[in-house]
N, C-alpha and C. Protein backbone atom coordinates (compact mmCIF):
# COMPACT_ATOMS: atom_id res chain seq x y z
N UNK A 1 142.90 59.53 96.64
CA UNK A 1 144.13 59.03 96.07
C UNK A 1 144.69 57.93 96.96
N UNK A 2 145.27 56.90 96.37
CA UNK A 2 145.80 55.77 97.14
C UNK A 2 147.12 56.11 97.83
N UNK A 3 147.51 55.21 98.74
CA UNK A 3 148.76 55.34 99.51
C UNK A 3 149.64 54.13 99.25
N UNK A 4 150.96 54.34 99.33
CA UNK A 4 151.91 53.25 99.19
C UNK A 4 153.15 53.53 100.04
N UNK A 5 153.86 52.46 100.39
CA UNK A 5 155.10 52.57 101.16
C UNK A 5 156.26 52.76 100.19
N UNK A 6 157.15 53.70 100.55
CA UNK A 6 158.31 54.02 99.72
C UNK A 6 159.60 53.88 100.51
N UNK A 7 160.66 53.49 99.80
CA UNK A 7 162.02 53.53 100.32
C UNK A 7 162.70 54.63 99.51
N UNK A 8 162.84 55.78 100.13
CA UNK A 8 163.32 57.01 99.48
C UNK A 8 162.36 57.37 98.34
N UNK A 9 162.74 57.21 97.08
CA UNK A 9 161.83 57.57 95.99
C UNK A 9 161.28 56.35 95.26
N UNK A 10 161.54 55.15 95.79
CA UNK A 10 161.11 53.92 95.11
C UNK A 10 159.94 53.28 95.87
N UNK A 11 158.84 53.05 95.16
CA UNK A 11 157.68 52.40 95.76
C UNK A 11 158.01 50.94 96.00
N UNK A 12 157.82 50.45 97.25
CA UNK A 12 158.19 49.08 97.58
C UNK A 12 157.00 48.20 97.93
N UNK A 13 155.81 48.74 97.87
CA UNK A 13 154.61 47.94 98.10
C UNK A 13 153.52 48.46 97.18
N UNK A 14 152.50 47.64 96.99
CA UNK A 14 151.41 48.08 96.11
C UNK A 14 150.59 49.17 96.80
N UNK A 15 149.79 49.86 96.02
CA UNK A 15 148.98 50.96 96.53
C UNK A 15 147.67 50.44 97.12
N UNK A 16 147.19 51.16 98.14
CA UNK A 16 145.94 50.83 98.81
C UNK A 16 145.07 52.08 98.89
N UNK A 17 143.74 51.90 98.94
CA UNK A 17 142.83 53.05 98.95
C UNK A 17 143.01 53.99 100.14
N UNK A 18 143.41 53.46 101.30
CA UNK A 18 143.58 54.31 102.48
C UNK A 18 144.98 54.10 103.07
N UNK A 19 145.44 55.11 103.82
CA UNK A 19 146.74 55.00 104.47
C UNK A 19 146.73 53.86 105.49
N UNK A 20 145.63 53.70 106.20
CA UNK A 20 145.51 52.63 107.19
C UNK A 20 145.68 51.25 106.54
N UNK A 21 145.04 51.03 105.41
CA UNK A 21 145.17 49.75 104.71
C UNK A 21 146.61 49.53 104.24
N UNK A 22 147.27 50.59 103.79
CA UNK A 22 148.65 50.47 103.32
C UNK A 22 149.57 50.09 104.48
N UNK A 23 149.39 50.72 105.66
CA UNK A 23 150.20 50.38 106.83
C UNK A 23 149.93 48.94 107.27
N UNK A 24 148.65 48.54 107.30
CA UNK A 24 148.30 47.18 107.72
C UNK A 24 148.95 46.14 106.81
N UNK A 25 148.90 46.36 105.50
CA UNK A 25 149.50 45.41 104.57
C UNK A 25 151.01 45.36 104.74
N UNK A 26 151.65 46.52 104.89
CA UNK A 26 153.11 46.55 105.08
C UNK A 26 153.51 45.80 106.34
N UNK A 27 152.72 45.93 107.40
CA UNK A 27 153.00 45.24 108.66
C UNK A 27 152.81 43.73 108.52
N UNK A 28 151.68 43.32 107.97
CA UNK A 28 151.36 41.89 107.82
C UNK A 28 152.33 41.20 106.86
N UNK A 29 152.74 41.90 105.82
CA UNK A 29 153.63 41.28 104.83
C UNK A 29 155.10 41.34 105.21
N UNK A 30 155.43 41.96 106.36
CA UNK A 30 156.81 41.98 106.83
C UNK A 30 157.66 43.10 106.26
N UNK A 31 157.05 44.07 105.59
CA UNK A 31 157.82 45.19 105.05
C UNK A 31 158.23 46.16 106.14
N UNK A 32 157.46 46.22 107.23
CA UNK A 32 157.80 47.03 108.41
C UNK A 32 157.54 46.18 109.65
N UNK A 33 158.20 46.52 110.75
CA UNK A 33 158.04 45.77 111.99
C UNK A 33 157.06 46.43 112.95
N UNK A 34 156.81 47.72 112.77
CA UNK A 34 155.95 48.45 113.67
C UNK A 34 155.31 49.59 112.89
N UNK A 35 154.17 50.06 113.35
CA UNK A 35 153.47 51.15 112.70
C UNK A 35 153.51 52.36 113.62
N UNK A 36 153.88 53.53 113.11
CA UNK A 36 153.93 54.71 113.97
C UNK A 36 152.54 55.08 114.49
N UNK A 37 152.48 55.50 115.75
CA UNK A 37 151.23 55.91 116.38
C UNK A 37 151.39 57.36 116.80
N UNK A 38 150.42 58.19 116.45
CA UNK A 38 150.53 59.63 116.65
C UNK A 38 150.74 60.03 118.10
N UNK A 39 150.12 59.32 119.07
CA UNK A 39 150.20 59.77 120.45
C UNK A 39 151.35 59.14 121.24
N UNK A 40 152.21 58.35 120.59
CA UNK A 40 153.36 57.77 121.27
C UNK A 40 154.56 58.71 121.19
N UNK A 41 155.52 58.48 122.05
CA UNK A 41 156.74 59.29 122.03
C UNK A 41 157.40 59.18 120.66
N UNK A 42 157.95 60.27 120.16
CA UNK A 42 158.58 60.22 118.84
C UNK A 42 159.79 59.29 118.83
N UNK A 43 160.02 58.70 117.71
CA UNK A 43 161.16 57.81 117.54
C UNK A 43 161.11 57.18 116.17
N UNK A 44 162.21 56.64 115.73
CA UNK A 44 162.29 56.02 114.42
C UNK A 44 161.75 54.60 114.50
N UNK A 45 160.62 54.33 113.85
CA UNK A 45 160.09 52.97 113.81
C UNK A 45 160.27 52.35 112.44
N UNK A 46 160.64 53.14 111.47
CA UNK A 46 160.89 52.65 110.12
C UNK A 46 162.36 52.80 109.79
N UNK A 47 162.87 51.94 108.91
CA UNK A 47 164.25 52.15 108.47
C UNK A 47 164.39 53.54 107.83
N UNK A 48 165.56 54.10 107.91
CA UNK A 48 165.82 55.42 107.33
C UNK A 48 165.42 55.43 105.86
N UNK A 49 164.72 56.46 105.48
CA UNK A 49 164.30 56.61 104.08
C UNK A 49 162.90 56.08 103.80
N UNK A 50 162.35 55.28 104.70
CA UNK A 50 161.01 54.73 104.48
C UNK A 50 159.96 55.78 104.82
N UNK A 51 158.90 55.82 104.04
CA UNK A 51 157.79 56.70 104.34
C UNK A 51 156.55 56.25 103.55
N UNK A 52 155.41 56.62 104.06
CA UNK A 52 154.14 56.35 103.39
C UNK A 52 153.73 57.64 102.70
N UNK A 53 153.29 57.54 101.47
CA UNK A 53 152.82 58.76 100.82
C UNK A 53 151.68 58.46 99.86
N UNK A 54 150.94 59.52 99.60
CA UNK A 54 149.83 59.44 98.66
C UNK A 54 150.40 59.47 97.26
N UNK A 55 149.80 58.67 96.38
CA UNK A 55 150.29 58.62 95.01
C UNK A 55 149.13 58.92 94.06
N UNK A 56 149.42 59.39 92.86
CA UNK A 56 148.36 59.69 91.90
C UNK A 56 147.56 58.43 91.57
N UNK A 57 146.29 58.61 91.40
CA UNK A 57 145.41 57.49 91.05
C UNK A 57 145.26 57.46 89.54
N UNK A 58 146.33 57.02 88.88
CA UNK A 58 146.31 56.99 87.41
C UNK A 58 146.04 55.60 86.85
N UNK A 59 145.68 54.67 87.73
CA UNK A 59 145.35 53.32 87.28
C UNK A 59 146.56 52.42 87.14
N UNK A 60 147.77 53.00 87.18
CA UNK A 60 148.97 52.19 87.04
C UNK A 60 149.32 51.57 88.38
N UNK A 61 149.58 50.27 88.37
CA UNK A 61 149.94 49.56 89.59
C UNK A 61 151.42 49.25 89.54
N UNK A 62 152.12 49.60 90.60
CA UNK A 62 153.56 49.33 90.69
C UNK A 62 153.76 48.23 91.71
N UNK A 63 154.20 47.08 91.28
CA UNK A 63 154.46 45.96 92.18
C UNK A 63 155.90 46.05 92.67
N UNK A 64 156.13 45.67 93.93
CA UNK A 64 157.51 45.69 94.44
C UNK A 64 158.36 44.63 93.75
N UNK A 65 159.65 44.88 93.70
CA UNK A 65 160.57 43.90 93.13
C UNK A 65 160.51 42.62 93.96
N UNK A 66 160.39 41.44 93.34
CA UNK A 66 160.26 40.20 94.11
C UNK A 66 161.45 39.87 94.98
N UNK A 67 162.64 40.38 94.65
CA UNK A 67 163.83 40.07 95.44
C UNK A 67 164.02 41.03 96.62
N UNK A 68 163.16 42.04 96.76
CA UNK A 68 163.31 43.02 97.82
C UNK A 68 162.97 42.41 99.18
N UNK A 69 163.81 42.65 100.16
CA UNK A 69 163.60 42.18 101.53
C UNK A 69 163.92 43.31 102.50
N UNK A 70 163.27 43.31 103.66
CA UNK A 70 163.54 44.29 104.71
C UNK A 70 164.91 44.01 105.31
N UNK A 71 165.72 45.05 105.53
CA UNK A 71 167.05 44.82 106.14
C UNK A 71 166.90 44.22 107.54
N UNK A 72 167.88 43.38 107.93
CA UNK A 72 167.84 42.74 109.24
C UNK A 72 168.03 43.73 110.37
N UNK A 73 168.83 44.75 110.15
CA UNK A 73 169.09 45.74 111.18
C UNK A 73 168.53 47.08 110.74
N UNK A 74 167.87 47.73 111.67
CA UNK A 74 167.33 49.06 111.40
C UNK A 74 168.13 50.03 112.25
N UNK A 75 168.77 50.97 111.59
CA UNK A 75 169.61 51.92 112.32
C UNK A 75 168.84 53.15 112.69
């Protein structure tokens, strides 16, 4: 099943076959500034509400809204 980046319950990036590819695209496209690493000290690297999750592979592609931008400040 593919993975996509979400802001709360809204998908904000397209789906990718692997979680790694989804994180890489989100980073390169400016949707996130940093990618969480399992062996680093815990801390918030994503804006509140952001998360990566697996989505059903039903063939439907959800494109992010073109006007969506990452907030300037991450609390």
